[in-house]
Amino acid sequence: MVISRAQCRAARALLEWTQDRLSAEASVSKKTLVDFEAGKRTPYDRTIADIVRALETAGIEFISENGGGVGVRFRHKKCADNEN
């Protein structure tokens, strides 16, 4: 999945993660992350995949273009998670 720099920033904001935290969780250099979010460069596909994986593992869901635009939200919990 390809995400935009705005989606990356929004996902971090939802999680209240700093760039340092995402960098560590995704095993991506902070410089790469900073440059990506600032629009200075586009990371390799593998690097984007690492960023996406870290954010999705933390509970983020990326919304692709569906007529309403791309976005970011928290993933819904499964019904089994709500039993108790």
PDB file of N, CA and C in Angstrom:
ATOM      1  N   MET A   1       0.841  -1.181   0.000  1.00  0.00           N
ATOM      2  CA  MET A   1       0.000   0.000   0.000  1.00  0.00           C
ATOM      3  C   MET A   1       0.883   1.241   0.000  1.00  0.00           C
ATOM      4  N   VAL A   2       0.504   2.193  -0.800  1.00  0.00           N
ATOM      5  CA  VAL A   2       1.208   3.476  -0.843  1.00  0.00           C
ATOM      6  C   VAL A   2       0.386   4.472  -0.042  1.00  0.00           C
ATOM      7  N   ILE A   3       1.052   5.200   0.832  1.00  0.00           N
ATOM      8  CA  ILE A   3       0.370   6.242   1.602  1.00  0.00           C
ATOM      9  C   ILE A   3       0.998   7.584   1.263  1.00  0.00           C
ATOM     10  N   SER A   4       0.230   8.630   1.485  1.00  0.00           N
ATOM     11  CA  SER A   4       0.743   9.982   1.261  1.00  0.00           C
ATOM     12  C   SER A   4       1.454  10.473   2.511  1.00  0.00           C
ATOM     13  N   ARG A   5       2.201  11.527   2.346  1.00  0.00           N
ATOM     14  CA  ARG A   5       2.882  12.100   3.510  1.00  0.00           C
ATOM     15  C   ARG A   5       1.876  12.642   4.509  1.00  0.00           C
ATOM     16  N   ALA A   6       0.740  13.161   4.008  1.00  0.00           N
ATOM     17  CA  ALA A   6      -0.307  13.666   4.901  1.00  0.00           C
ATOM     18  C   ALA A   6      -0.926  12.528   5.710  1.00  0.00           C
ATOM     19  N   GLN A   7      -1.118  11.368   5.083  1.00  0.00           N
ATOM     20  CA  GLN A   7      -1.643  10.218   5.817  1.00  0.00           C
ATOM     21  C   GLN A   7      -0.665   9.768   6.901  1.00  0.00           C
ATOM     22  N   CYS A   8       0.600   9.823   6.599  1.00  0.00           N
ATOM     23  CA  CYS A   8       1.613   9.443   7.586  1.00  0.00           C
ATOM     24  C   CYS A   8       1.556  10.385   8.787  1.00  0.00           C
ATOM     25  N   ARG A   9       1.516  11.674   8.524  1.00  0.00           N
ATOM     26  CA  ARG A   9       1.450  12.659   9.613  1.00  0.00           C
ATOM     27  C   ARG A   9       0.163  12.494  10.418  1.00  0.00           C
ATOM     28  N   ALA A  10      -0.953  12.265   9.716  1.00  0.00           N
ATOM     29  CA  ALA A  10      -2.240  12.108  10.396  1.00  0.00           C
ATOM     30  C   ALA A  10      -2.263  10.862  11.274  1.00  0.00           C
ATOM     31  N   ALA A  11      -1.695   9.776  10.766  1.00  0.00           N
ATOM     32  CA  ALA A  11      -1.645   8.539  11.547  1.00  0.00           C
ATOM     33  C   ALA A  11      -0.811   8.740  12.815  1.00  0.00           C
ATOM     34  N   ARG A  12       0.311   9.423  12.665  1.00  0.00           N
ATOM     35  CA  ARG A  12       1.140   9.700  13.851  1.00  0.00           C
ATOM     36  C   ARG A  12       0.369  10.545  14.850  1.00  0.00           C
ATOM     37  N   ALA A  13      -0.383  11.518  14.347  1.00  0.00           N
ATOM     38  CA  ALA A  13      -1.149  12.396  15.236  1.00  0.00           C
ATOM     39  C   ALA A  13      -2.219  11.608  16.000  1.00  0.00           C
ATOM     40  N   LEU A  14      -2.916  10.704  15.306  1.00  0.00           N
ATOM     41  CA  LEU A  14      -3.926   9.891  15.982  1.00  0.00           C
ATOM     42  C   LEU A  14      -3.311   9.055  17.103  1.00  0.00           C
ATOM     43  N   LEU A  15      -2.136   8.534  16.850  1.00  0.00           N
ATOM     44  CA  LEU A  15      -1.450   7.705  17.839  1.00  0.00           C
ATOM     45  C   LEU A  15      -0.684   8.514  18.876  1.00  0.00           C
ATOM     46  N   GLU A  16      -0.563   9.814  18.622  1.00  0.00           N
ATOM     47  CA  GLU A  16       0.245  10.698  19.460  1.00  0.00           C
ATOM     48  C   GLU A  16       1.696  10.227  19.488  1.00  0.00           C
ATOM     49  N   TRP A  17       2.192   9.815  18.315  1.00  0.00           N
ATOM     50  CA  TRP A  17       3.568   9.374  18.157  1.00  0.00           C
ATOM     51  C   TRP A  17       4.422  10.494  17.595  1.00  0.00           C
ATOM     52  N   THR A  18       5.617  10.607  18.078  1.00  0.00           N
ATOM     53  CA  THR A  18       6.598  11.527  17.501  1.00  0.00           C
ATOM     54  C   THR A  18       7.234  10.858  16.280  1.00  0.00           C
ATOM     55  N   GLN A  19       7.975  11.635  15.536  1.00  0.00           N
ATOM     56  CA  GLN A  19       8.733  11.058  14.428  1.00  0.00           C
ATOM     57  C   GLN A  19       9.768  10.071  14.959  1.00  0.00           C
ATOM     58  N   ASP A  20      10.340  10.358  16.103  1.00  0.00           N
ATOM     59  CA  ASP A  20      11.297   9.428  16.714  1.00  0.00           C
ATOM     60  C   ASP A  20      10.639   8.079  16.993  1.00  0.00           C
ATOM     61  N   ARG A  21       9.432   8.101  17.524  1.00  0.00           N
ATOM     62  CA  ARG A  21       8.726   6.854  17.852  1.00  0.00           C
ATOM     63  C   ARG A  21       8.433   6.047  16.594  1.00  0.00           C
ATOM     64  N   LEU A  22       7.883   6.698  15.558  1.00  0.00           N
ATOM     65  CA  LEU A  22       7.580   5.973  14.326  1.00  0.00           C
ATOM     66  C   LEU A  22       8.856   5.450  13.692  1.00  0.00           C
ATOM     67  N   SER A  23       9.880   6.250  13.712  1.00  0.00           N
ATOM     68  CA  SER A  23      11.165   5.825  13.165  1.00  0.00           C
ATOM     69  C   SER A  23      11.635   4.534  13.844  1.00  0.00           C
ATOM     70  N   ALA A  24      11.530   4.485  15.149  1.00  0.00           N
ATOM     71  CA  ALA A  24      11.961   3.298  15.900  1.00  0.00           C
ATOM     72  C   ALA A  24      11.044   2.107  15.631  1.00  0.00           C
ATOM     73  N   GLU A  25       9.739   2.327  15.649  1.00  0.00           N
ATOM     74  CA  GLU A  25       8.780   1.235  15.454  1.00  0.00           C
ATOM     75  C   GLU A  25       8.883   0.638  14.049  1.00  0.00           C
ATOM     76  N   ALA A  26       9.191   1.478  13.058  1.00  0.00           N
ATOM     77  CA  ALA A  26       9.266   1.017  11.670  1.00  0.00           C
ATOM     78  C   ALA A  26      10.674   0.609  11.250  1.00  0.00           C
ATOM     79  N   SER A  27      11.641   0.839  12.117  1.00  0.00           N
ATOM     80  CA  SER A  27      13.061   0.588  11.786  1.00  0.00           C
ATOM     81  C   SER A  27      13.469   1.338  10.524  1.00  0.00           C
ATOM     82  N   VAL A  28      13.101   2.621  10.515  1.00  0.00           N
ATOM     83  CA  VAL A  28      13.397   3.526   9.401  1.00  0.00           C
ATOM     84  C   VAL A  28      14.157   4.708   9.984  1.00  0.00           C
ATOM     85  N   SER A  29      15.124   5.223   9.252  1.00  0.00           N
ATOM     86  CA  SER A  29      15.879   6.350   9.800  1.00  0.00           C
ATOM     87  C   SER A  29      14.963   7.566   9.964  1.00  0.00           C
ATOM     88  N   LYS A  30      15.234   8.338  11.006  1.00  0.00           N
ATOM     89  CA  LYS A  30      14.418   9.531  11.249  1.00  0.00           C
ATOM     90  C   LYS A  30      14.536  10.495  10.081  1.00  0.00           C
ATOM     91  N   LYS A  31      15.710  10.649   9.511  1.00  0.00           N
ATOM     92  CA  LYS A  31      15.921  11.548   8.369  1.00  0.00           C
ATOM     93  C   LYS A  31      15.008  11.159   7.200  1.00  0.00           C
ATOM     94  N   THR A  32      14.916   9.871   6.931  1.00  0.00           N
ATOM     95  CA  THR A  32      14.039   9.400   5.853  1.00  0.00           C
ATOM     96  C   THR A  32      12.597   9.781   6.140  1.00  0.00           C
ATOM     97  N   LEU A  33      12.162   9.570   7.372  1.00  0.00           N
ATOM     98  CA  LEU A  33      10.790   9.894   7.762  1.00  0.00           C
ATOM     99  C   LEU A  33      10.534  11.394   7.683  1.00  0.00           C
ATOM    100  N   VAL A  34      11.449  12.190   8.204  1.00  0.00           N
ATOM    101  CA  VAL A  34      11.316  13.647   8.173  1.00  0.00           C
ATOM    102  C   VAL A  34      11.227  14.139   6.725  1.00  0.00           C
ATOM    103  N   ASP A  35      12.111  13.645   5.881  1.00  0.00           N
ATOM    104  CA  ASP A  35      12.117  14.056   4.477  1.00  0.00           C
ATOM    105  C   ASP A  35      10.829  13.638   3.758  1.00  0.00           C
ATOM    106  N   PHE A  36      10.338  12.439   4.054  1.00  0.00           N
ATOM    107  CA  PHE A  36       9.090  11.969   3.454  1.00  0.00           C
ATOM    108  C   PHE A  36       7.938  12.862   3.860  1.00  0.00           C
ATOM    109  N   GLU A  37       7.783  13.107   5.153  1.00  0.00           N
ATOM    110  CA  GLU A  37       6.666  13.920   5.633  1.00  0.00           C
ATOM    111  C   GLU A  37       6.750  15.363   5.156  1.00  0.00           C
ATOM    112  N   ALA A  38       7.947  15.847   4.886  1.00  0.00           N
ATOM    113  CA  ALA A  38       8.129  17.222   4.404  1.00  0.00           C
ATOM    114  C   ALA A  38       8.008  17.316   2.880  1.00  0.00           C
ATOM    115  N   GLY A  39       7.907  16.176   2.214  1.00  0.00           N
ATOM    116  CA  GLY A  39       7.800  16.174   0.762  1.00  0.00           C
ATOM    117  C   GLY A  39       9.119  16.369   0.034  1.00  0.00           C
ATOM    118  N   LYS A  40      10.210  16.138   0.740  1.00  0.00           N
ATOM    119  CA  LYS A  40      11.531  16.331   0.142  1.00  0.00           C
ATOM    120  C   LYS A  40      11.979  15.138  -0.685  1.00  0.00           C
ATOM    121  N   ARG A  41      11.429  13.953  -0.376  1.00  0.00           N
ATOM    122  CA  ARG A  41      11.752  12.771  -1.179  1.00  0.00           C
ATOM    123  C   ARG A  41      10.734  11.673  -0.925  1.00  0.00           C
ATOM    124  N   THR A  42      10.702  10.743  -1.848  1.00  0.00           N
ATOM    125  CA  THR A  42       9.824   9.588  -1.730  1.00  0.00           C
ATOM    126  C   THR A  42      10.681   8.379  -1.378  1.00  0.00           C
ATOM    127  N   PRO A  43      10.415   7.767  -0.246  1.00  0.00           N
ATOM    128  CA  PRO A  43      11.206   6.596   0.155  1.00  0.00           C
ATOM    129  C   PRO A  43      10.958   5.407  -0.772  1.00  0.00           C
ATOM    130  N   TYR A  44      11.832   4.421  -0.678  1.00  0.00           N
ATOM    131  CA  TYR A  44      11.649   3.171  -1.403  1.00  0.00           C
ATOM    132  C   TYR A  44      10.332   2.519  -0.979  1.00  0.00           C
ATOM    133  N   ASP A  45       9.755   1.713  -1.866  1.00  0.00           N
ATOM    134  CA  ASP A  45       8.510   1.000  -1.558  1.00  0.00           C
ATOM    135  C   ASP A  45       8.640   0.172  -0.286  1.00  0.00           C
ATOM    136  N   ARG A  46       9.780  -0.471  -0.107  1.00  0.00           N
ATOM    137  CA  ARG A  46      10.033  -1.296   1.081  1.00  0.00           C
ATOM    138  C   ARG A  46       9.965  -0.444   2.359  1.00  0.00           C
ATOM    139  N   THR A  47      10.488   0.776   2.280  1.00  0.00           N
ATOM    140  CA  THR A  47      10.486   1.668   3.441  1.00  0.00           C
ATOM    141  C   THR A  47       9.065   2.117   3.763  1.00  0.00           C
ATOM    142  N   ILE A  48       8.290   2.455   2.732  1.00  0.00           N
ATOM    143  CA  ILE A  48       6.888   2.825   2.938  1.00  0.00           C
ATOM    144  C   ILE A  48       6.141   1.646   3.569  1.00  0.00           C
ATOM    145  N   ALA A  49       6.412   0.450   3.085  1.00  0.00           N
ATOM    146  CA  ALA A  49       5.764  -0.751   3.637  1.00  0.00           C
ATOM    147  C   ALA A  49       6.092  -0.917   5.115  1.00  0.00           C
ATOM    148  N   ASP A  50       7.318  -0.632   5.505  1.00  0.00           N
ATOM    149  CA  ASP A  50       7.720  -0.726   6.913  1.00  0.00           C
ATOM    150  C   ASP A  50       6.971   0.306   7.766  1.00  0.00           C
ATOM    151  N   ILE A  51       6.808   1.502   7.239  1.00  0.00           N
ATOM    152  CA  ILE A  51       6.075   2.564   7.938  1.00  0.00           C
ATOM    153  C   ILE A  51       4.612   2.167   8.088  1.00  0.00           C
ATOM    154  N   VAL A  52       4.005   1.710   7.000  1.00  0.00           N
ATOM    155  CA  VAL A  52       2.597   1.295   7.018  1.00  0.00           C
ATOM    156  C   VAL A  52       2.403   0.152   8.016  1.00  0.00           C
ATOM    157  N   ARG A  53       3.267  -0.831   7.976  1.00  0.00           N
ATOM    158  CA  ARG A  53       3.159  -1.987   8.876  1.00  0.00           C
ATOM    159  C   ARG A  53       3.195  -1.540  10.343  1.00  0.00           C
ATOM    160  N   ALA A  54       4.099  -0.642  10.674  1.00  0.00           N
ATOM    161  CA  ALA A  54       4.208  -0.172  12.062  1.00  0.00           C
ATOM    162  C   ALA A  54       2.935   0.554  12.497  1.00  0.00           C
ATOM    163  N   LEU A  55       2.414   1.388  11.623  1.00  0.00           N
ATOM    164  CA  LEU A  55       1.209   2.144  11.960  1.00  0.00           C
ATOM    165  C   LEU A  55      -0.021   1.236  12.037  1.00  0.00           C
ATOM    166  N   GLU A  56      -0.134   0.300  11.113  1.00  0.00           N
ATOM    167  CA  GLU A  56      -1.267  -0.629  11.147  1.00  0.00           C
ATOM    168  C   GLU A  56      -1.202  -1.534  12.376  1.00  0.00           C
ATOM    169  N   THR A  57      -0.014  -1.951  12.755  1.00  0.00           N
ATOM    170  CA  THR A  57       0.152  -2.775  13.955  1.00  0.00           C
ATOM    171  C   THR A  57      -0.304  -2.022  15.197  1.00  0.00           C
ATOM    172  N   ALA A  58      -0.134  -0.709  15.169  1.00  0.00           N
ATOM    173  CA  ALA A  58      -0.535   0.127  16.301  1.00  0.00           C
ATOM    174  C   ALA A  58      -2.027   0.464  16.283  1.00  0.00           C
ATOM    175  N   GLY A  59      -2.755   0.000  15.248  1.00  0.00           N
ATOM    176  CA  GLY A  59      -4.203   0.199  15.233  1.00  0.00           C
ATOM    177  C   GLY A  59      -4.736   1.168  14.199  1.00  0.00           C
ATOM    178  N   ILE A  60      -3.902   1.591  13.281  1.00  0.00           N
ATOM    179  CA  ILE A  60      -4.319   2.536  12.249  1.00  0.00           C
ATOM    180  C   ILE A  60      -4.832   1.794  11.026  1.00  0.00           C
ATOM    181  N   GLU A  61      -5.856   2.355  10.407  1.00  0.00           N
ATOM    182  CA  GLU A  61      -6.374   1.856   9.130  1.00  0.00           C
ATOM    183  C   GLU A  61      -6.278   2.988   8.120  1.00  0.00           C
ATOM    184  N   PHE A  62      -5.705   2.697   6.975  1.00  0.00           N
ATOM    185  CA  PHE A  62      -5.599   3.688   5.918  1.00  0.00           C
ATOM    186  C   PHE A  62      -6.781   3.536   4.976  1.00  0.00           C
ATOM    187  N   ILE A  63      -7.392   4.650   4.636  1.00  0.00           N
ATOM    188  CA  ILE A  63      -8.549   4.671   3.748  1.00  0.00           C
ATOM    189  C   ILE A  63      -8.067   5.118   2.382  1.00  0.00           C
ATOM    190  N   SER A  64      -8.294   4.269   1.386  1.00  0.00           N
ATOM    191  CA  SER A  64      -7.877   4.631   0.032  1.00  0.00           C
ATOM    192  C   SER A  64      -8.934   5.527  -0.615  1.00  0.00           C
ATOM    193  N   GLU A  65      -8.603   6.065  -1.761  1.00  0.00           N
ATOM    194  CA  GLU A  65      -9.531   6.928  -2.505  1.00  0.00           C
ATOM    195  C   GLU A  65     -10.810   6.155  -2.771  1.00  0.00           C
ATOM    196  N   ASN A  66     -11.921   6.701  -2.314  1.00  0.00           N
ATOM    197  CA  ASN A  66     -13.204   6.019  -2.496  1.00  0.00           C
ATOM    198  C   ASN A  66     -14.293   7.010  -2.884  1.00  0.00           C
ATOM    199  N   GLY A  67     -13.902   8.079  -3.498  1.00  0.00           N
ATOM    200  CA  GLY A  67     -14.861   9.125  -3.844  1.00  0.00           C
ATOM    201  C   GLY A  67     -14.882  10.234  -2.813  1.00  0.00           C
ATOM    202  N   GLY A  68     -14.494   9.913  -1.588  1.00  0.00           N
ATOM    203  CA  GLY A  68     -14.469  10.905  -0.524  1.00  0.00           C
ATOM    204  C   GLY A  68     -13.065  11.335  -0.169  1.00  0.00           C
ATOM    205  N   GLY A  69     -12.096  10.762  -0.830  1.00  0.00           N
ATOM    206  CA  GLY A  69     -10.706  11.105  -0.566  1.00  0.00           C
ATOM    207  C   GLY A  69     -10.028  10.104   0.349  1.00  0.00           C
ATOM    208  N   VAL A  70      -8.714  10.157   0.354  1.00  0.00           N
ATOM    209  CA  VAL A  70      -7.935   9.264   1.205  1.00  0.00           C
ATOM    210  C   VAL A  70      -8.006   9.735   2.644  1.00  0.00           C
ATOM    211  N   GLY A  71      -7.696   8.842   3.560  1.00  0.00           N
ATOM    212  CA  GLY A  71      -7.744   9.232   4.958  1.00  0.00           C
ATOM    213  C   GLY A  71      -7.072   8.224   5.860  1.00  0.00           C
ATOM    214  N   VAL A  72      -7.282   8.445   7.146  1.00  0.00           N
ATOM    215  CA  VAL A  72      -6.700   7.628   8.200  1.00  0.00           C
ATOM    216  C   VAL A  72      -7.710   7.568   9.334  1.00  0.00           C
ATOM    217  N   ARG A  73      -7.819   6.405   9.943  1.00  0.00           N
ATOM    218  CA  ARG A  73      -8.690   6.274  11.119  1.00  0.00           C
ATOM    219  C   ARG A  73      -8.188   5.116  11.964  1.00  0.00           C
ATOM    220  N   PHE A  74      -8.740   5.037  13.179  1.00  0.00           N
ATOM    221  CA  PHE A  74      -8.450   3.878  13.999  1.00  0.00           C
ATOM    222  C   PHE A  74      -9.223   2.692  13.436  1.00  0.00           C
ATOM    223  N   ARG A  75      -8.610   1.540  13.449  1.00  0.00           N
ATOM    224  CA  ARG A  75      -9.247   0.310  12.982  1.00  0.00           C
ATOM    225  C   ARG A  75     -10.324  -0.088  13.993  1.00  0.00           C
ATOM    226  N   HIS A  76     -11.448  -0.595  13.474  1.00  0.00           N
ATOM    227  CA  HIS A  76     -12.515  -1.097  14.352  1.00  0.00           C
ATOM    228  C   HIS A  76     -12.033  -2.334  15.073  1.00  0.00           C
ATOM    229  N   LYS A  77     -12.429  -2.452  16.309  1.00  0.00           N
ATOM    230  CA  LYS A  77     -12.125  -3.665  17.060  1.00  0.00           C
ATOM    231  C   LYS A  77     -13.073  -4.754  16.594  1.00  0.00           C
ATOM    232  N   LYS A  78     -12.616  -5.991  16.638  1.00  0.00           N
ATOM    233  CA  LYS A  78     -13.452  -7.128  16.278  1.00  0.00           C
ATOM    234  C   LYS A  78     -14.523  -7.321  17.356  1.00  0.00           C
ATOM    235  N   CYS A  79     -15.623  -7.884  16.958  1.00  0.00           N
ATOM    236  CA  CYS A  79     -16.730  -8.127  17.898  1.00  0.00           C
ATOM    237  C   CYS A  79     -16.277  -8.911  19.131  1.00  0.00           C
ATOM    238  N   ALA A  80     -15.386  -9.873  18.919  1.00  0.00           N
ATOM    239  CA  ALA A  80     -14.896 -10.677  20.039  1.00  0.00           C
ATOM    240  C   ALA A  80     -14.158  -9.817  21.060  1.00  0.00           C
ATOM    241  N   ASP A  81     -13.539  -8.725  20.586  1.00  0.00           N
ATOM    242  CA  ASP A  81     -12.843  -7.834  21.500  1.00  0.00           C
ATOM    243  C   ASP A  81     -13.805  -7.089  22.420  1.00  0.00           C
ATOM    244  N   ASN A  82     -15.059  -6.924  21.982  1.00  0.00           N
ATOM    245  CA  ASN A  82     -16.036  -6.150  22.737  1.00  0.00           C
ATOM    246  C   ASN A  82     -16.825  -7.006  23.712  1.00  0.00           C
ATOM    247  N   GLU A  83     -16.628  -8.313  23.691  1.00  0.00           N
ATOM    248  CA  GLU A  83     -17.333  -9.198  24.627  1.00  0.00           C
ATOM    249  C   GLU A  83     -16.631  -9.133  25.972  1.00  0.00           C
ATOM    250  N   ASN A  84     -17.312  -8.910  27.001  1.00  0.00           N
ATOM    251  CA  ASN A  84     -16.830  -8.856  28.388  1.00  0.00           C
ATOM    252  C   ASN A  84     -17.616  -7.839  29.133  1.00  0.00           C
TER     253      ASN A  84
END
